[in-house]
C-alpha atoms as a PDB file:
ATOM      1  CA  MET A   1      27.004 -44.247   7.780  1.00  0.00           C
ATOM      2  CA  ALA A   2      24.872 -45.627   4.954  1.00  0.00           C
ATOM      3  CA  SER A   3      21.827 -47.556   6.086  1.00  0.00           C
ATOM      4  CA  HIS A   4      21.562 -49.680   2.918  1.00  0.00           C
ATOM      5  CA  LYS A   5      24.255 -51.414   0.879  1.00  0.00           C
ATOM      6  CA  ILE A   6      23.363 -51.850  -2.791  1.00  0.00           C
ATOM      7  CA  LEU A   7      25.371 -54.209  -4.969  1.00  0.00           C
ATOM      8  CA  VAL A   8      25.293 -53.192  -8.640  1.00  0.00           C
ATOM      9  CA  ILE A   9      26.416 -56.090 -10.852  1.00  0.00           C
ATOM     10  CA  ASP A  10      26.881 -54.579 -14.311  1.00  0.00           C
ATOM     11  CA  ASP A  11      29.760 -54.538 -16.781  1.00  0.00           C
ATOM     12  CA  SER A  12      28.914 -50.925 -17.686  1.00  0.00           C
ATOM     13  CA  LYS A  13      30.661 -48.259 -15.585  1.00  0.00           C
ATOM     14  CA  VAL A  14      28.010 -45.839 -16.878  1.00  0.00           C
ATOM     15  CA  ILE A  15      25.195 -47.868 -15.277  1.00  0.00           C
ATOM     16  CA  GLN A  16      27.172 -48.267 -12.041  1.00  0.00           C
ATOM     17  CA  LYS A  17      27.747 -44.507 -11.814  1.00  0.00           C
ATOM     18  CA  THR A  18      24.178 -43.715 -12.919  1.00  0.00           C
ATOM     19  CA  VAL A  19      22.711 -45.841 -10.115  1.00  0.00           C
ATOM     20  CA  LYS A  20      25.060 -44.232  -7.585  1.00  0.00           C
ATOM     21  CA  SER A  21      24.127 -40.714  -8.722  1.00  0.00           C
ATOM     22  CA  MET A  22      20.356 -41.378  -8.649  1.00  0.00           C
ATOM     23  CA  LEU A  23      20.216 -42.638  -5.061  1.00  0.00           C
ATOM     24  CA  PRO A  24      19.495 -40.211  -2.214  1.00  0.00           C
ATOM     25  CA  PRO A  25      22.809 -39.065  -0.677  1.00  0.00           C
ATOM     26  CA  GLY A  26      23.849 -40.556   2.641  1.00  0.00           C
ATOM     27  CA  ASN A  27      21.339 -43.418   2.699  1.00  0.00           C
ATOM     28  CA  PHE A  28      23.099 -45.842   0.402  1.00  0.00           C
ATOM     29  CA  GLU A  29      26.528 -47.371  -0.013  1.00  0.00           C
ATOM     30  CA  VAL A  30      26.993 -48.656  -3.563  1.00  0.00           C
ATOM     31  CA  VAL A  31      29.257 -51.652  -4.132  1.00  0.00           C
ATOM     32  CA  GLU A  32      30.089 -52.526  -7.734  1.00  0.00           C
ATOM     33  CA  ALA A  33      30.909 -55.736  -9.601  1.00  0.00           C
ATOM     34  CA  LYS A  34      31.851 -55.860 -13.285  1.00  0.00           C
ATOM     35  CA  ASP A  35      30.850 -59.478 -14.058  1.00  0.00           C
ATOM     36  CA  GLY A  36      28.795 -62.366 -12.724  1.00  0.00           C
ATOM     37  CA  GLU A  37      31.660 -64.132 -10.938  1.00  0.00           C
ATOM     38  CA  GLU A  38      32.742 -60.998  -9.087  1.00  0.00           C
ATOM     39  CA  GLY A  39      29.084 -60.271  -8.363  1.00  0.00           C
ATOM     40  CA  LEU A  40      28.495 -63.637  -6.672  1.00  0.00           C
ATOM     41  CA  ASN A  41      31.665 -63.213  -4.619  1.00  0.00           C
ATOM     42  CA  LYS A  42      30.555 -59.748  -3.482  1.00  0.00           C
ATOM     43  CA  ILE A  43      27.034 -60.970  -2.684  1.00  0.00           C
ATOM     44  CA  ARG A  44      28.578 -63.410  -0.237  1.00  0.00           C
ATOM     45  CA  SER A  45      31.276 -61.090   1.158  1.00  0.00           C
ATOM     46  CA  GLU A  46      29.437 -57.739   1.282  1.00  0.00           C
ATOM     47  CA  ASN A  47      26.010 -58.909   2.526  1.00  0.00           C
ATOM     48  CA  PRO A  48      24.065 -56.305   0.491  1.00  0.00           C
ATOM     49  CA  SER A  49      20.602 -54.975   1.362  1.00  0.00           C
ATOM     50  CA  LEU A  50      19.678 -55.059  -2.350  1.00  0.00           C
ATOM     51  CA  ILE A  51      21.138 -56.536  -5.543  1.00  0.00           C
ATOM     52  CA  MET A  52      20.839 -54.852  -8.943  1.00  0.00           C
ATOM     53  CA  LEU A  53      21.702 -57.501 -11.532  1.00  0.00           C
ATOM     54  CA  ASP A  54      22.342 -56.933 -15.233  1.00  0.00           C
ATOM     55  CA  PHE A  55      21.109 -59.903 -17.251  1.00  0.00           C
ATOM     56  CA  LEU A  56      23.944 -59.858 -19.807  1.00  0.00           C
ATOM     57  CA  LEU A  57      27.301 -60.169 -18.076  1.00  0.00           C
ATOM     58  CA  PRO A  58      30.745 -61.539 -18.909  1.00  0.00           C
ATOM     59  CA  LYS A  59      32.252 -64.618 -17.187  1.00  0.00           C
ATOM     60  CA  LYS A  60      28.959 -65.671 -15.569  1.00  0.00           C
ATOM     61  CA  SER A  61      25.691 -64.418 -17.064  1.00  0.00           C
ATOM     62  CA  GLY A  62      23.008 -62.618 -15.102  1.00  0.00           C
ATOM     63  CA  TRP A  63      20.795 -65.657 -15.688  1.00  0.00           C
ATOM     64  CA  GLU A  64      23.387 -67.922 -14.019  1.00  0.00           C
ATOM     65  CA  VAL A  65      23.779 -65.483 -11.117  1.00  0.00           C
ATOM     66  CA  PHE A  66      19.969 -65.309 -10.795  1.00  0.00           C
ATOM     67  CA  GLN A  67      19.787 -69.121 -10.607  1.00  0.00           C
ATOM     68  CA  GLU A  68      22.484 -69.264  -7.914  1.00  0.00           C
ATOM     69  CA  ILE A  69      20.693 -66.592  -5.894  1.00  0.00           C
ATOM     70  CA  ASN A  70      17.394 -68.427  -6.308  1.00  0.00           C
ATOM     71  CA  ASN A  71      18.870 -71.760  -5.198  1.00  0.00           C
ATOM     72  CA  ASP A  72      20.502 -70.420  -2.010  1.00  0.00           C
ATOM     73  CA  GLY A  73      18.122 -69.928   0.928  1.00  0.00           C
ATOM     74  CA  ASN A  74      20.180 -67.076   2.407  1.00  0.00           C
ATOM     75  CA  LEU A  75      20.642 -65.196  -0.876  1.00  0.00           C
ATOM     76  CA  ARG A  76      16.957 -65.563  -1.839  1.00  0.00           C
ATOM     77  CA  LYS A  77      16.032 -63.225   1.015  1.00  0.00           C
ATOM     78  CA  ILE A  78      17.927 -60.290  -0.545  1.00  0.00           C
ATOM     79  CA  PRO A  79      15.713 -57.948  -2.613  1.00  0.00           C
ATOM     80  CA  LEU A  80      16.632 -58.166  -6.304  1.00  0.00           C
ATOM     81  CA  VAL A  81      16.240 -55.798  -9.265  1.00  0.00           C
ATOM     82  CA  VAL A  82      17.037 -57.386 -12.638  1.00  0.00           C
ATOM     83  CA  MET A  83      18.182 -54.936 -15.342  1.00  0.00           C
ATOM     84  CA  SER A  84      18.356 -55.310 -19.100  1.00  0.00           C
ATOM     85  CA  GLY A  85      18.151 -53.198 -22.206  1.00  0.00           C
ATOM     86  CA  ARG A  86      15.820 -55.802 -23.704  1.00  0.00           C
ATOM     87  CA  LYS A  87      13.052 -57.234 -21.555  1.00  0.00           C
ATOM     88  CA  GLU A  88      12.578 -60.128 -24.007  1.00  0.00           C
ATOM     89  CA  GLU A  89      15.973 -61.531 -22.983  1.00  0.00           C
ATOM     90  CA  VAL A  90      14.729 -61.801 -19.414  1.00  0.00           C
ATOM     91  CA  THR A  91      11.234 -63.115 -20.199  1.00  0.00           C
ATOM     92  CA  GLU A  92      12.740 -65.865 -22.387  1.00  0.00           C
ATOM     93  CA  LYS A  93      14.259 -67.347 -19.230  1.00  0.00           C
ATOM     94  CA  ILE A  94      11.914 -66.074 -16.492  1.00  0.00           C
ATOM     95  CA  PRO A  95       8.238 -65.803 -17.438  1.00  0.00           C
ATOM     96  CA  GLU A  96       6.206 -62.874 -16.124  1.00  0.00           C
ATOM     97  CA  PRO A  97       4.776 -61.900 -13.718  1.00  0.00           C
ATOM     98  CA  PHE A  98       7.985 -61.347 -11.776  1.00  0.00           C
ATOM     99  CA  GLU A  99       6.694 -62.382  -8.378  1.00  0.00           C
ATOM    100  CA  PHE A 100       9.793 -62.218  -6.166  1.00  0.00           C
ATOM    101  CA  PHE A 101      11.984 -59.582  -7.840  1.00  0.00           C
ATOM    102  CA  ASP A 102      11.559 -56.406  -9.845  1.00  0.00           C
ATOM    103  CA  PHE A 103      12.656 -55.630 -13.403  1.00  0.00           C
ATOM    104  CA  ILE A 104      13.890 -52.328 -14.797  1.00  0.00           C
ATOM    105  CA  GLU A 105      14.617 -51.686 -18.453  1.00  0.00           C
ATOM    106  CA  LYS A 106      17.755 -49.756 -19.358  1.00  0.00           C
ATOM    107  CA  PRO A 107      18.140 -46.867 -19.772  1.00  0.00           C
ATOM    108  CA  PHE A 108      16.081 -45.757 -16.787  1.00  0.00           C
ATOM    109  CA  GLU A 109      15.331 -42.554 -14.928  1.00  0.00           C
ATOM    110  CA  LYS A 110      15.627 -41.804 -11.216  1.00  0.00           C
ATOM    111  CA  LYS A 111      11.891 -42.231 -10.574  1.00  0.00           C
ATOM    112  CA  GLN A 112      11.913 -45.672 -12.258  1.00  0.00           C
ATOM    113  CA  LEU A 113      14.976 -46.748 -10.273  1.00  0.00           C
ATOM    114  CA  ILE A 114      13.524 -45.715  -6.914  1.00  0.00           C
ATOM    115  CA  GLY A 115      10.218 -47.413  -7.808  1.00  0.00           C
ATOM    116  CA  ALA A 116      11.997 -50.642  -8.778  1.00  0.00           C
ATOM    117  CA  ILE A 117      13.998 -50.653  -5.528  1.00  0.00           C
ATOM    118  CA  LYS A 118      10.855 -50.128  -3.420  1.00  0.00           C
ATOM    119  CA  SER A 119       9.000 -52.813  -5.363  1.00  0.00           C
ATOM    120  CA  ALA A 120      11.876 -55.315  -5.031  1.00  0.00           C
ATOM    121  CA  MET A 121      11.999 -54.750  -1.272  1.00  0.00           C
ATOM    122  CA  ALA A 122       8.246 -55.302  -0.955  1.00  0.00           C
ATOM    123  CA  LYS A 123       8.354 -58.448  -3.121  1.00  0.00           C
ATOM    124  CA  ALA A 124      11.256 -59.901  -1.119  1.00  0.00           C
ATOM    125  CA  LYS A 125       9.216 -59.559   2.087  1.00  0.00           C
ATOM    126  CA  LYS A 126       6.358 -61.573   0.539  1.00  0.00           C
ATOM    127  CA  ARG A 127       8.617 -64.421  -0.529  1.00  0.00           C
ATOM    128  CA  PRO A 128       8.090 -67.641   1.453  1.00  0.00           C
ATOM    129  CA  ALA A 129      11.226 -68.517   3.433  1.00  0.00           C
ATOM    130  CA  GLY A 130      11.742 -71.966   1.912  1.00  0.00           C
ATOM    131  CA  ALA A 131      10.739 -71.255  -1.681  1.00  0.00           C
ATOM    132  CA  ALA A 132      13.603 -71.983  -4.065  1.00  0.00           C
ATOM    133  CA  ALA A 133      11.525 -71.000  -7.043  1.00  0.00           C
ATOM    134  CA  PRO A 134       7.993 -69.636  -7.371  1.00  0.00           C
ATOM    135  CA  THR A 135       6.628 -73.060  -8.296  1.00  0.00           C
ATOM    136  CA  ALA A 136       8.804 -75.168  -5.989  1.00  0.00           C
ATOM    137  CA  ALA A 137       7.024 -73.989  -2.827  1.00  0.00           C
ATOM    138  CA  ALA A 138       3.640 -74.972  -4.195  1.00  0.00           C
ATOM    139  CA  ALA A 139       4.884 -78.351  -5.408  1.00  0.00           C
ATOM    140  CA  GLY A 140       6.888 -79.596  -2.447  1.00  0.00           C
ATOM    141  CA  GLY A 141       4.497 -79.584   0.494  1.00  0.00           C
ATOM    142  CA  GLY A 142       2.798 -83.002   0.395  1.00  0.00           C
ATOM    143  CA  GLY A 143       4.379 -85.184   3.047  1.00  0.00           C
ATOM    144  CA  GLY A 144       7.879 -85.441   1.563  1.00  0.00           C
ATOM    145  CA  ASP A 145       7.182 -88.091  -1.075  1.00  0.00           C
ATOM    146  CA  ALA A 146      10.457 -88.060  -3.044  1.00  0.00           C
ATOM    147  CA  ALA A 147       9.070 -89.810  -6.133  1.00  0.00           C
ATOM    148  CA  LEU A 148       6.175 -87.355  -6.390  1.00  0.00           C
ATOM    149  CA  SER A 149       8.500 -84.394  -5.850  1.00  0.00           C
ATOM    150  CA  ALA A 150      10.797 -85.687  -8.601  1.00  0.00           C
ATOM    151  CA  LYS A 151       7.861 -86.042 -11.007  1.00  0.00           C
ATOM    152  CA  VAL A 152       6.610 -82.555 -10.146  1.00  0.00           C
ATOM    153  CA  ALA A 153      10.114 -81.117 -10.653  1.00  0.00           C
ATOM    154  CA  LYS A 154      10.352 -82.862 -14.044  1.00  0.00           C
ATOM    155  CA  LEU A 155       6.957 -81.508 -15.092  1.00  0.00           C
ATOM    156  CA  GLU A 156       7.885 -78.006 -13.925  1.00  0.00           C
ATOM    157  CA  SER A 157      11.073 -78.207 -15.949  1.00  0.00           C
ATOM    158  CA  GLU A 158       9.114 -79.286 -19.037  1.00  0.00           C
ATOM    159  CA  VAL A 159       6.570 -76.497 -18.537  1.00  0.00           C
ATOM    160  CA  ALA A 160       9.395 -73.960 -18.173  1.00  0.00           C
ATOM    161  CA  ALA A 161      10.945 -75.231 -21.424  1.00  0.00           C
ATOM    162  CA  LEU A 162       7.587 -74.962 -23.191  1.00  0.00           C
ATOM    163  CA  LYS A 163       7.074 -71.422 -21.868  1.00  0.00           C
ATOM    164  CA  GLN A 164      10.513 -70.498 -23.141  1.00  0.00           C
ATOM    165  CA  GLN A 165       9.664 -71.878 -26.584  1.00  0.00           C
ATOM    166  CA  VAL A 166       6.369 -69.937 -26.652  1.00  0.00           C
ATOM    167  CA  ASN A 167       8.163 -66.732 -25.614  1.00  0.00           C
ATOM    168  CA  LYS A 168      10.713 -67.233 -28.402  1.00  0.00           C
ATOM    169  CA  MET A 169       7.931 -67.840 -30.930  1.00  0.00           C
ATOM    170  CA  MET A 170       6.075 -64.716 -29.761  1.00  0.00           C
ATOM    171  CA  ALA A 171       9.261 -62.629 -30.000  1.00  0.00           C
ATOM    172  CA  PHE A 172       9.846 -63.982 -33.520  1.00  0.00           C
ATOM    173  CA  ILE A 173       6.266 -63.249 -34.570  1.00  0.00           C
ATOM    174  CA  LYS A 174       6.416 -59.728 -33.125  1.00  0.00           C
ATOM    175  CA  GLN A 175       9.670 -59.116 -34.954  1.00  0.00           C
ATOM    176  CA  LYS A 176       8.165 -60.278 -38.257  1.00  0.00           C
ATOM    177  CA  LEU A 177       5.093 -58.071 -37.764  1.00  0.00           C
ATOM    178  CA  LYS A 178       7.206 -54.900 -37.398  1.00  0.00           C
END
């Protein structure tokens, strides 16, 4: 019996089969989902050891799935590898460094896949149990003052929006410099 269950959420059958073929035989059971909605359902029903999440998905985007995972204390514990053919699409929404999950750019080779899986598992172990987001754990701990927490959350949201704007500007500038 497989010791690890990996959920591959990707609308590409090629990626699903590629992941399956690159994993060591006998150690892994691969479960597949073709879109974000099916992926979330399978996360909850299959209880995977690892999630591989494409960022561009039909029905529910990888970004939306990522947010749902990040906002659920039980799902946050599952190691996560985010996949995309364009890293800029991910960094527009989630600024680097990727502290609690790993990223792999498509197409990838076996060595990269195994490295990303190992890294994601190590990062998941470091994640604080109650941290909904990397910045939420640092912001929330001061005695439970709701007004202060609300202000901090608002500021974090504004900072995230500003980071997203800067990332878009940098991508635009890089594109113009090519």
